[in-house]
Protein backbone atom coordinates (compact mmCIF):
# COMPACT_ATOMS: atom_id res chain seq x y z
CA MET A 1 0.11 0.23 0.00
CA PHE A 2 2.83 2.50 0.88
CA SER A 3 4.36 1.65 -2.72
CA GLN A 4 0.62 2.61 -4.52
CA VAL A 5 0.63 5.89 -2.35
CA GLN A 6 4.62 6.67 -3.50
CA GLN A 7 3.67 6.08 -6.88
CA ALA A 8 0.97 8.25 -7.03
CA LEU A 9 3.17 11.11 -5.57
CA GLU A 10 5.59 10.94 -8.17
CA CYS A 11 3.17 10.80 -10.75
CA LEU A 12 2.00 14.27 -9.01
CA SER A 13 5.33 15.55 -8.57
CA SER A 14 5.66 14.88 -12.59
CA ALA A 15 2.66 16.67 -13.36
CA LEU A 16 3.12 19.45 -11.24
CA ALA A 17 6.90 19.86 -13.33
CA GLY A 18 4.84 20.21 -16.78
CA ILE A 19 1.97 22.17 -15.73
CA ASP A 20 3.11 25.50 -17.52
CA ALA A 21 3.36 23.90 -20.43
CA ALA A 22 -0.58 22.45 -20.42
CA PRO A 23 -2.86 23.44 -22.95
CA THR A 24 -6.33 24.91 -21.36
CA ALA A 25 -8.28 22.09 -21.73
CA GLU A 26 -6.19 19.35 -20.19
CA LEU A 27 -5.82 21.86 -17.27
CA ARG A 28 -9.70 22.14 -17.00
CA ARG A 29 -9.53 18.20 -16.92
CA THR A 30 -6.69 17.84 -14.72
CA LEU A 31 -8.49 20.34 -12.60
CA GLU A 32 -11.74 18.03 -12.31
CA THR A 33 -9.86 15.02 -11.45
CA ALA A 34 -7.99 16.56 -8.88
CA LYS A 35 -11.49 17.06 -6.83
CA SER A 36 -11.91 13.65 -6.92
CA LEU A 37 -8.74 12.89 -6.21
CA ARG A 38 -8.86 14.98 -2.83
CA SER A 39 -11.50 13.53 -1.70
CA ARG A 40 -10.07 10.07 -2.15
CA VAL A 41 -6.66 11.40 -0.21
CA GLU A 42 -8.86 13.09 2.52
CA LEU A 43 -11.04 9.53 2.77
CA LEU A 44 -7.51 7.65 2.76
CA GLU A 45 -5.77 9.49 5.49
CA THR A 46 -8.77 9.54 8.01
CA ARG A 47 -9.20 5.74 7.54
CA ALA A 48 -5.61 5.38 8.26
CA ALA A 49 -5.26 7.76 11.09
CA SER A 50 -8.53 5.99 12.56
CA LEU A 51 -7.04 2.36 12.45
CA ILE A 52 -4.11 3.54 13.49
CA ALA A 53 -5.50 4.91 17.02
CA ARG A 54 -7.52 1.71 17.46
CA ARG A 55 -4.80 -0.58 16.70
CA GLU A 56 -3.05 1.74 19.49
CA ARG A 57 -5.32 2.30 21.36
CA HIS A 58 -5.72 6.26 20.95
CA GLY A 59 -8.82 6.74 22.77
CA ASP A 60 -9.66 9.88 19.96
CA GLY A 61 -10.57 8.01 17.08
CA GLY A 62 -6.95 9.17 15.03
CA ALA A 63 -8.18 12.95 15.41
CA GLY A 64 -4.72 13.86 17.10
CA LEU A 65 -3.03 11.83 14.25
CA LEU A 66 -4.48 13.61 11.91
CA ASN A 67 -3.51 16.88 13.54
CA GLN A 68 0.03 16.12 14.84
CA VAL A 69 0.79 13.92 11.27
CA GLY A 70 -1.46 15.13 8.59
CA GLY A 71 -1.24 18.58 9.41
CA ARG A 72 -5.17 18.83 9.71
CA SER A 73 -6.46 21.72 12.02
CA ARG A 74 -7.94 19.95 15.32
CA ALA A 75 -11.48 21.07 14.03
CA GLU A 76 -11.32 19.59 10.90
CA ALA A 77 -9.61 16.69 12.20
CA ALA A 78 -12.19 16.14 14.61
CA ARG A 79 -14.62 16.75 11.53
CA ASN A 80 -13.32 14.22 9.76
CA VAL A 81 -12.91 11.39 12.14
CA ARG A 82 -16.47 11.64 13.24
CA THR A 83 -17.64 12.13 9.62
CA ASP A 84 -15.86 9.12 8.20
CA ALA A 85 -17.54 6.58 11.50
CA GLU A 86 -21.18 8.30 10.40
CA LEU A 87 -21.35 7.30 6.80
CA ALA A 88 -21.62 3.25 7.69
CA GLU A 89 -25.23 5.05 8.13
CA LEU A 90 -25.15 6.79 4.94
CA PRO A 91 -24.41 3.83 2.15
CA ALA A 92 -24.68 6.24 -0.95
CA ALA A 93 -22.65 9.15 0.74
CA HIS A 94 -20.21 6.65 1.92
CA THR A 95 -20.12 5.27 -2.07
CA ALA A 96 -19.71 8.71 -3.45
CA VAL A 97 -16.94 9.71 -0.98
CA SER A 98 -14.98 6.53 -1.73
CA GLU A 99 -14.97 6.98 -5.67
CA GLY A 100 -14.19 10.45 -5.62
CA GLU A 101 -17.99 11.79 -6.20
CA MET A 102 -18.78 14.04 -3.63
CA SER A 103 -15.65 15.70 -0.69
CA LEU A 104 -15.63 14.99 3.13
CA ALA A 105 -16.51 18.27 3.97
CA ASN A 106 -20.04 17.84 1.97
CA ALA A 107 -20.09 14.67 3.62
CA ALA A 108 -19.93 15.74 7.05
CA LYS A 109 -23.21 18.68 6.24
CA LEU A 110 -25.04 15.54 4.63
CA ALA A 111 -23.97 13.68 8.70
CA ARG A 112 -24.99 16.47 10.57
CA ALA A 113 -28.43 16.55 8.60
CA ALA A 114 -28.88 12.94 9.46
CA ARG A 115 -28.06 13.37 13.21
CA LYS A 116 -31.03 16.32 13.47
CA THR A 117 -33.49 14.41 11.28
CA SER A 118 -33.02 10.81 10.55
CA PRO A 119 -30.40 8.68 8.08
CA ASP A 120 -33.35 7.27 6.34
CA ALA A 121 -34.56 10.85 5.43
CA VAL A 122 -31.48 12.03 3.93
CA GLN A 123 -30.73 8.34 2.17
CA GLY A 124 -34.17 8.90 0.57
CA ASP A 125 -33.85 12.24 -1.04
CA THR A 126 -31.76 11.97 -3.58
CA ASP A 127 -31.70 15.36 -4.59
CA LEU A 128 -30.13 16.65 -1.60
CA VAL A 129 -27.17 13.35 -1.91
CA GLN A 130 -26.84 15.18 -5.59
CA MET A 131 -26.42 18.09 -4.29
CA ALA A 132 -23.74 17.35 -2.16
CA LYS A 133 -22.00 15.95 -5.29
CA THR A 134 -22.22 18.88 -7.28
CA LEU A 135 -22.13 22.25 -5.13
CA PRO A 136 -18.73 23.46 -3.45
CA GLU A 137 -18.84 23.89 0.34
CA ASP A 138 -20.54 26.27 1.03
CA GLU A 139 -23.24 26.57 -1.31
CA PHE A 140 -24.15 23.26 -0.03
CA ALA A 141 -23.86 24.43 3.53
CA GLN A 142 -26.91 26.39 2.67
CA ALA A 143 -28.21 23.81 1.24
CA ALA A 144 -28.39 21.33 3.50
CA GLN A 145 -29.32 23.98 6.17
CA ARG A 146 -32.62 24.34 4.52
CA TRP A 147 -33.23 21.22 3.58
CA THR A 148 -32.79 20.08 7.59
CA ILE A 149 -35.21 23.22 8.72
CA ARG A 150 -37.76 21.58 6.39
CA HIS A 151 -37.52 18.06 7.89
CA GLN A 152 -36.58 19.27 11.78
CA SER A 153 -39.32 19.42 13.95
CA THR A 154 -39.67 23.26 15.58
CA ASP A 155 -39.26 22.46 18.55
CA ASP A 156 -35.61 21.21 17.42
CA LEU A 157 -35.22 24.38 15.51
CA ALA A 158 -36.13 26.45 18.66
CA ALA A 159 -34.14 24.77 21.36
CA GLN A 160 -31.48 25.01 19.34
CA HIS A 161 -31.80 28.96 18.87
CA ARG A 162 -32.15 29.04 22.81
CA ARG A 163 -28.95 27.41 22.71
CA ASN A 164 -27.30 30.04 20.59
CA ARG A 165 -28.39 32.82 22.40
CA ARG A 166 -27.96 31.52 25.80
CA ASN A 167 -24.00 30.95 24.73
CA ARG A 168 -23.63 34.51 22.82
CA HIS A 169 -20.18 35.63 24.04
CA VAL A 170 -17.49 38.00 23.25
CA ARG A 171 -13.57 37.83 24.60
CA PHE A 172 -10.79 39.73 24.55
CA TRP A 173 -7.48 38.74 25.32
CA ASN A 174 -4.05 40.41 24.31
CA GLY A 175 -1.95 38.99 21.44
CA ASP A 176 1.38 37.69 21.73
CA ASP A 177 2.48 40.76 18.96
CA GLY A 178 0.85 43.46 21.29
CA THR A 179 -2.56 43.26 19.48
CA VAL A 180 -5.90 42.69 21.48
CA GLN A 181 -7.91 40.01 20.04
CA MET A 182 -11.57 39.60 19.92
CA ARG A 183 -13.57 36.77 18.96
CA GLY A 184 -17.67 36.51 19.62
CA SER A 185 -20.41 33.93 18.78
CA PHE A 186 -24.33 34.97 18.47
CA ASP A 187 -27.41 33.59 17.72
CA ALA A 188 -28.71 34.67 14.10
CA GLU A 189 -30.79 37.64 15.02
CA MET A 190 -28.51 39.42 16.75
CA GLY A 191 -25.53 38.68 14.71
CA ALA A 192 -27.31 39.54 11.89
CA ARG A 193 -28.28 42.87 13.62
CA ILE A 194 -24.46 43.50 14.48
CA GLN A 195 -23.27 42.65 10.80
CA GLN A 196 -25.77 44.86 9.05
CA ARG A 197 -24.60 47.51 11.26
CA LEU A 198 -20.96 47.15 11.05
CA ARG A 199 -20.95 46.70 7.02
CA ARG A 200 -23.65 49.79 7.32
CA GLN A 201 -21.00 51.66 8.94
CA ALA A 202 -18.33 50.20 6.65
CA GLU A 203 -19.43 51.54 3.68
CA GLN A 204 -19.54 55.12 4.86
CA LEU A 205 -16.13 54.95 5.67
CA ARG A 206 -15.42 53.53 1.91
CA GLN A 207 -17.66 56.41 0.73
CA ALA A 208 -15.70 58.81 2.56
CA ASP A 209 -12.52 57.70 1.50
CA ARG A 210 -13.31 57.65 -1.71
CA ARG A 211 -14.24 61.36 -1.71
CA ARG A 212 -11.25 62.21 0.21
CA GLN A 213 -9.00 60.79 -2.51
CA THR A 214 -10.95 62.53 -4.88
CA GLN A 215 -10.58 65.92 -3.62
CA SER A 216 -6.87 65.43 -2.57
CA GLN A 217 -6.22 64.52 -6.29
CA SER A 218 -8.49 67.55 -7.68
CA SER A 219 -6.69 69.53 -4.91
CA LYS A 220 -2.53 68.46 -4.55
CA SER A 221 -1.65 71.26 -7.21
CA ALA A 222 -2.84 73.96 -4.89
CA LEU A 223 -1.70 71.96 -1.32
CA ASN A 224 1.68 73.26 -0.54
CA ALA A 225 4.35 70.89 1.03
CA GLU A 226 3.43 71.36 4.95
CA GLU A 227 -0.57 70.70 4.40
CA ASP A 228 0.35 67.47 2.30
CA HIS A 229 2.14 66.15 5.01
CA ASP A 230 -0.57 67.26 7.82
CA ALA A 231 -2.78 65.56 5.73
CA ALA A 232 -0.87 62.47 5.74
CA SER A 233 -0.52 62.50 9.18
CA ALA A 234 -4.08 62.89 9.74
CA THR A 235 -5.02 60.66 8.04
CA PRO A 236 -2.45 57.26 7.31
CA SER A 237 -3.49 54.84 4.60
CA THR A 238 -7.50 55.16 4.74
CA ALA A 239 -8.13 55.50 0.74
CA THR A 240 -5.97 51.96 0.89
CA ARG A 241 -8.41 50.40 3.83
CA SER A 242 -9.14 47.25 2.87
CA ARG A 243 -12.80 45.68 3.59
CA ASP A 244 -11.73 44.02 7.33
CA GLN A 245 -9.81 47.26 8.06
CA ARG A 246 -13.04 49.11 7.64
CA MET A 247 -15.15 46.73 9.76
CA ALA A 248 -12.84 47.39 12.61
CA ASP A 249 -12.76 50.66 11.99
CA ALA A 250 -16.78 50.98 11.65
CA LEU A 251 -17.04 48.77 15.02
CA ASP A 252 -15.19 51.45 17.07
CA THR A 253 -17.19 54.26 14.88
CA LEU A 254 -19.94 52.89 15.72
CA LEU A 255 -18.95 52.29 19.87
CA SER A 256 -17.73 56.03 20.42
CA ALA A 257 -20.85 57.58 18.76
CA ALA A 258 -23.16 55.30 20.41
CA ILE A 259 -21.57 55.81 24.39
CA GLU A 260 -20.19 59.38 23.93
CA THR A 261 -23.23 61.09 22.20
CA GLN A 262 -26.21 59.26 23.35
CA PRO A 263 -27.74 59.21 26.73
CA ALA A 264 -28.31 55.05 27.83
CA ASP A 265 -31.83 55.97 28.24
CA SER A 266 -32.69 57.67 25.45
CA PRO A 267 -35.54 57.11 23.01
CA ASP A 268 -34.04 57.91 20.54
CA ALA A 269 -30.51 55.64 21.27
CA VAL A 270 -32.49 52.63 20.02
CA ARG A 271 -34.05 53.66 16.63
CA SER A 272 -30.97 55.25 15.54
CA THR A 273 -28.87 52.34 15.09
CA ALA A 274 -31.86 49.89 13.98
CA ALA A 275 -30.57 47.40 11.83
CA GLU A 276 -32.33 46.17 8.78
CA ILE A 277 -32.64 42.80 8.92
CA ILE A 278 -34.09 40.71 6.09
CA ILE A 279 -35.84 37.76 7.04
CA ARG A 280 -37.37 35.25 4.25
CA ALA A 281 -40.67 33.76 5.27
CA ASP A 282 -43.70 31.56 3.78
CA LEU A 283 -47.68 32.10 4.44
CA ALA A 284 -47.79 29.89 6.92
CA ALA A 285 -44.45 31.14 9.06
CA LEU A 286 -46.31 34.41 9.09
CA THR A 287 -49.49 33.36 10.58
CA GLY A 288 -48.26 30.51 12.93
CA GLU A 289 -49.28 27.59 11.02
CA PRO A 290 -47.46 24.39 11.42
CA GLY A 291 -44.42 24.19 8.95
CA GLY A 292 -44.02 26.84 7.92
CA ILE A 293 -40.28 28.34 7.03
CA ALA A 294 -38.13 31.75 8.36
CA GLU A 295 -34.82 33.17 7.76
CA ILE A 296 -32.56 35.44 7.75
CA CYS A 297 -31.08 36.06 4.41
CA GLY A 298 -27.26 35.40 4.43
CA ILE A 299 -27.52 34.04 8.14
CA GLY A 300 -29.69 30.89 8.90
CA PRO A 301 -33.24 29.29 9.19
CA ILE A 302 -34.93 31.07 12.66
CA PRO A 303 -37.98 28.85 14.80
CA PRO A 304 -41.23 31.23 14.50
CA SER A 305 -41.07 31.93 17.73
CA THR A 306 -38.18 34.22 16.97
CA LEU A 307 -40.01 35.69 13.79
CA GLN A 308 -43.74 36.41 15.84
CA ARG A 309 -40.71 38.42 18.25
CA LEU A 310 -39.39 40.52 15.61
CA ALA A 311 -42.78 41.19 13.48
CA CYS A 312 -43.85 43.01 17.01
CA ASN A 313 -40.92 46.19 15.66
CA SER A 314 -40.72 45.56 11.50
CA ASP A 315 -41.91 46.44 8.63
CA VAL A 316 -43.42 43.38 6.57
CA TRP A 317 -43.53 43.70 2.94
CA ILE A 318 -45.67 41.15 1.30
CA GLU A 319 -44.88 40.08 -2.37
CA VAL A 320 -47.04 38.16 -4.89
CA PHE A 321 -45.41 36.24 -7.23
CA GLY A 322 -47.25 34.41 -9.95
CA ASP A 323 -45.45 32.22 -13.02
CA GLU A 324 -42.24 32.14 -13.77
CA LEU A 325 -41.73 34.22 -10.25
CA THR A 326 -43.16 37.35 -11.95
CA PRO A 327 -44.09 39.78 -8.79
CA LEU A 328 -47.95 40.44 -8.87
CA TYR A 329 -48.60 42.58 -5.76
CA GLU A 330 -46.44 44.28 -2.94
CA THR A 331 -47.35 45.87 0.07
CA VAL A 332 -45.64 47.02 2.88
CA VAL A 333 -47.53 46.69 6.64
CA SER A 334 -45.69 48.77 9.36
CA ARG A 335 -45.34 47.40 12.78
CA ALA A 336 -42.65 49.25 14.42
CA PRO A 337 -43.94 51.94 16.94
CA THR A 338 -43.21 55.40 15.54
CA ALA A 339 -40.40 57.50 17.72
CA ALA A 340 -43.89 59.28 19.26
CA GLN A 341 -45.21 56.30 20.07
CA ARG A 342 -42.07 55.25 21.84
CA ARG A 343 -41.30 58.12 23.70
CA ALA A 344 -45.09 57.96 25.00
CA LEU A 345 -44.07 54.02 26.04
CA ILE A 346 -41.17 55.37 27.53
CA ALA A 347 -43.44 57.60 29.96
CA ARG A 348 -46.18 55.34 30.54
CA ASP A 349 -44.16 52.54 31.63
CA GLY A 350 -40.89 53.62 32.73
CA ALA A 351 -38.79 50.41 32.21
CA CYS A 352 -39.40 46.91 31.14
CA ILE A 353 -42.81 45.93 32.72
CA GLY A 354 -41.26 42.36 33.43
CA CYS A 355 -37.69 43.29 35.20
CA GLY A 356 -37.58 46.31 34.69
CA GLU A 357 -34.77 46.86 32.48
CA PRO A 358 -34.24 50.41 30.99
CA PRO A 359 -35.85 51.80 28.35
CA GLY A 360 -32.81 51.51 26.43
CA GLU A 361 -32.29 48.02 26.77
CA CYS A 362 -36.39 47.65 25.81
CA GLU A 363 -38.71 46.96 22.72
CA ALA A 364 -42.10 47.31 22.30
CA HIS A 365 -44.41 44.30 22.26
CA HIS A 366 -47.70 44.25 20.63
CA ILE A 367 -50.29 42.24 23.03
CA ILE A 368 -52.81 40.95 20.60
CA PRO A 369 -50.39 39.48 17.65
CA CYS A 370 -50.54 41.47 14.60
CA GLN A 371 -51.03 38.61 12.21
CA SER A 372 -54.82 38.20 15.06
CA GLY A 373 -55.24 41.71 13.94
CA GLY A 374 -53.62 43.04 16.99
CA LYS A 375 -53.04 47.37 15.71
CA THR A 376 -49.71 49.12 16.14
CA ARG A 377 -51.12 51.75 18.88
CA LEU A 378 -50.15 52.31 22.67
CA ASP A 379 -53.27 50.34 24.31
CA ASN A 380 -51.88 47.39 22.25
CA LEU A 381 -48.42 48.21 22.98
CA VAL A 382 -46.21 47.36 25.89
CA LEU A 383 -42.42 47.89 26.85
CA VAL A 384 -40.17 44.92 27.23
CA CYS A 385 -36.81 43.94 27.09
CA TRP A 386 -34.73 41.06 24.84
CA SER A 387 -35.24 38.63 27.54
CA CYS A 388 -38.92 39.17 28.48
CA HIS A 389 -39.89 39.27 25.24
CA ASP A 390 -37.97 36.06 25.07
CA LEU A 391 -40.69 34.66 27.50
CA ILE A 392 -43.59 35.82 26.05
CA HIS A 393 -43.18 34.91 22.56
CA ASP A 394 -41.03 31.22 23.28
CA HIS A 395 -42.33 30.75 27.07
CA ASN A 396 -46.12 32.11 26.46
CA TRP A 397 -45.84 34.55 29.67
CA ARG A 398 -49.01 37.10 29.61
CA VAL A 399 -49.47 40.47 30.08
CA LEU A 400 -51.72 41.49 32.71
CA ILE A 401 -52.99 44.61 34.50
CA ARG A 402 -51.99 44.86 38.05
CA ALA A 403 -52.49 47.37 40.41
CA GLY A 404 -53.04 49.92 37.42
CA ARG A 405 -50.36 49.09 36.05
CA TYR A 406 -48.91 46.45 33.09
CA ARG A 407 -46.75 42.83 34.00
CA LEU A 408 -45.63 40.31 33.19
CA ALA A 409 -46.82 36.82 34.88
CA PRO A 410 -45.68 33.33 34.35
CA PRO A 411 -47.85 31.09 31.96
CA ASP A 412 -51.39 30.06 32.99
CA PRO A 413 -50.69 26.71 34.57
CA ALA A 414 -53.94 25.54 33.04
CA HIS A 415 -53.08 26.22 29.47
CA ARG A 416 -50.30 24.83 27.86
CA VAL A 417 -51.05 27.45 24.99
CA ASN A 418 -52.32 31.20 25.60
CA PRO A 419 -56.03 30.87 24.61
CA ALA A 420 -57.79 34.02 23.73
CA PRO A 421 -59.64 35.34 26.56
CA GLN A 422 -63.69 36.72 25.57
CA ARG A 423 -64.43 40.15 25.00
CA LYS A 424 -65.23 41.64 28.23
CA PRO A 425 -68.13 44.09 28.52
CA LYS A 426 -67.11 47.64 28.27
CA PRO A 427 -67.23 49.27 32.19
CA ARG A 428 -69.97 51.98 32.14
CA ALA A 429 -67.94 55.01 33.74
CA SER A 430 -69.92 57.78 36.29
CA ARG A 431 -70.06 60.84 35.25
CA GLY A 432 -67.15 62.94 36.86
CA THR A 433 -64.74 60.46 36.60
CA ARG A 434 -61.33 59.87 34.85
CA ASN A 435 -58.89 57.21 34.45
CA THR A 436 -55.92 57.72 36.75
CA THR A 437 -53.91 54.76 35.79
CA GLY A 438 -51.76 55.77 33.51
CA VAL A 439 -52.98 52.94 31.02
CA PRO A 440 -55.59 53.02 28.90
CA PRO A 441 -59.10 51.18 30.15
CA PRO A 442 -59.08 47.01 30.44
CA SER A 443 -61.83 47.28 27.94
CA ALA A 444 -59.52 48.48 25.18
CA VAL A 445 -56.84 45.86 25.55
CA ALA A 446 -59.42 42.91 26.33
CA LYS A 447 -59.50 40.52 23.57
CA SER A 448 -55.56 39.83 25.10
CA LEU A 449 -54.97 40.55 28.77
CA TRP A 450 -55.71 38.38 31.83
CA GLU A 451 -57.36 41.21 34.44
CA GLU A 452 -55.94 40.15 37.90
CA PRO A 453 -59.02 39.45 40.14
CA ALA A 454 -59.11 42.03 43.43
CA ALA A 455 -57.40 40.86 46.49
């Protein structure tokens, strides 16, 4: 076996030596063959490492050998070992990798989809297996993720989203070269907001660099040497900043602006940094029916509860398409409260009605959901922080009126799902009396509020 590998290496060396003189058509065929060769080499080294580890009882399946001897990263080595073991339950993928038709990376994504659904479901979908053979790794990653969402239960997706949100973090440490390093992990919603804000700010920096460069070129003849020196020292290499450099500068700019120019509880602080997150959802997801699919474009799928929570403060574009994706109708439904409504919410509720977080950490919640006909009006809105908003949409917490104020209460143990309460008769107010509780009368929100009985 070793001699065969040596012969293959000698053939590769000969091919590399003559690559410059090879015709273009031959180079294209070589590129296609190299794809098949790469898959087989990955599988060969993974199998070899696994057999050595089993015989010598390494206990890690061979990941250590792949890392230290094979030169694979720790994550890639562990992934390949795990995928090779899981391919036993996916015969079609196993054969495709062995014959060089599928990369081990795409096989790993198939195995992951099988873990979240079932091996039979993956094996039975010939289109999915074919995409794993033909698509590049990044494109197939998105295709496999969408397929998994369509075949995964809603509870599993919601649990994954909660884990991602619970595990969110940002960490800093000092590098050996004097730099400050940062690493973070976010759930899909928060990650989309952060990316969108940074990209928008980075684009503004790019436009500013272009304007500065144009102005510098047009006025170069009129500048003296001292002014040239001052301008160069004030903005070093801004015109040649890379995309990653602009993203870093954008983060610094956004943090500085948020901290230095706006109070934490300013009503405009939240709206001025509001991010535009594009969510693609089908009608079933928007109406809360089972089987609906929703995803943040460019990020990934989200559970229905997250979609409903985001819908409390978002504009919804409704597009109806005909044959061949011809647009037939478009309308916009605004659900985000206006600046005036937000100021009124802050003045009325003061803070999160659940835990008391300051207004700068809060958003508006529709008591009667928009898909159930709820309007974006003050008597249908309450101020809640992100965590309490999650409690409402993910864990069925309720909005109550307690002592004349809106408050959150745990879910009713007698009902797993919030029942729609019956409309209460509107009480007759005596002449000369006024509502001084600071909140709208219960009749205005009776369709979705439980009013606590008097003690």
